Amino acid sequence: MELNLFGRRVFLAAGLAAIGVQPATADTLAETCIMAIRTQMAALGDGPVLLNSYLVETGPGAGDFDLTQANAAYVYDNALAGLALLAAGHRAEAARIGQALAIAQAHDRFYHDGRLRNAYQAGPMAMPAKLPGFWDTHTNSWAEDPYQVGSETGPVAWAMLLWSALGMAAPANAAGDWLDDALRAPAGYYGGFYGFEPNPQKLTWQSTEQNTDLFAAFTKLGRAEDAAHAKTFVAGMLQGGVFIAGLAPDGAPNPMLAADAGIWPYLAGLGSAAPAQTAIKRLTRGAGIGFSQASESIWLEGTAFASLAGAPAAFRATLAANLSPQGYIYATIAPALSTGLTVGPSLKPGVPPTAFNYYRRPALSTTAWAALAGISVNPLA
């Protein structure tokens, strides 16, 4: 695994150098990011494909994050990359990602109901779709991550957005039907499912960000009633001049201010500029923003999409200054960044849930958002 990934990273760097891409400025960043995505895709051959979400460390500096993410291709990251490729005029390459997600939906090893997992193995798409995992030296066995094999509403919504943009209505509506059947709440939609088949744990919290995603996706598909159902939930989360994170499983408000929940409703047309600007102001950390109020440093993905919501021009310079040798932008400036969230509920009695942190690794989602910001294309509009 490490040799293959190392070879891919060398190919990426060599490919960028061969085509004469220079260190990015704020003005050339979109072109650089799109070329990096296309170069990674070219390394994987032809046909339907999903891209690594992170270019991880493989040497002495590698840690648990690198082990668990080495072959992970998250649905959200890949759908976003597909939308960025479309925005840049590379429809055929965007379609390769859309087709891979459709194959994964139709050829799951267990589910046949229209859902997607949160992640699949990076690389050419197989049938059945392969799930990410790693060799656990403690148990001397192959292990899978309960979040990666689960299904949350937000990533499914982003796949629906890509499929809709590509004219692939059948898989998009199949996913929408599953959401309606499995996760429709009295207002909006629940979070999803966490853990392993056949009985993953249903997540009954509700997310402002994910319902915003669903509003945008259902609107693109012409599913007006479903879009309105998600919109009603998001509208109720505007409290104290900002959109809060959502509702806890017991229905109590989660007052956390997070960048996506605070800014994406504006990008999706569900709120005025004022709440988004307030969120940006409260989350600003120098020339960028944190993931949430729990973040002490800059989250570069949020810094990228904040640029589409009227953030200062200096934010784009921050992105350009954090370009990796492979052409991707790092996820963070600091070595690690707290989000204030957990990856999911603990599946082991007496064991606390794992903290959800970002790490300074070249990240597909950050790179795609930076490209979209540079092209001035809002994927939620």
Foldseek 3Di string as FASTA:
>chain_A
DLVVLVVLLVQLLVQCVVVPPDQDFLQCLLVLLLSLVVSSVVVQPDAAFAAQFFSADDDPPGDPVCQQRVFKGFLLLLLLSLVLCVLVPNNVVSVSPLVLQLQQQCAAPDDNQLFHFRIFGGGHADGNTHRGWGQDPVVRHIDHAQRRRWGFLQSLLSSLLSCLVSVNLVSNVSNVVCQVVPFQDPAAGFTTFTGDPPDTHGGRWDFLLSLLSQLLSCVSSVVVVNNVSSLVQNVVQCPPLFRAGGAHNVRHGRRWQFLSSGASCVLLVSDPLRSNVVSCVQQDADLAGARTNQWNFHQLLSLLLSLLSPRDSSSSRVQSVQADSSSAGWRGDDQKTFNVDFSDADPDPPDGGHGDMGGGTRGSSSSSSNSCSSSSHRSSD
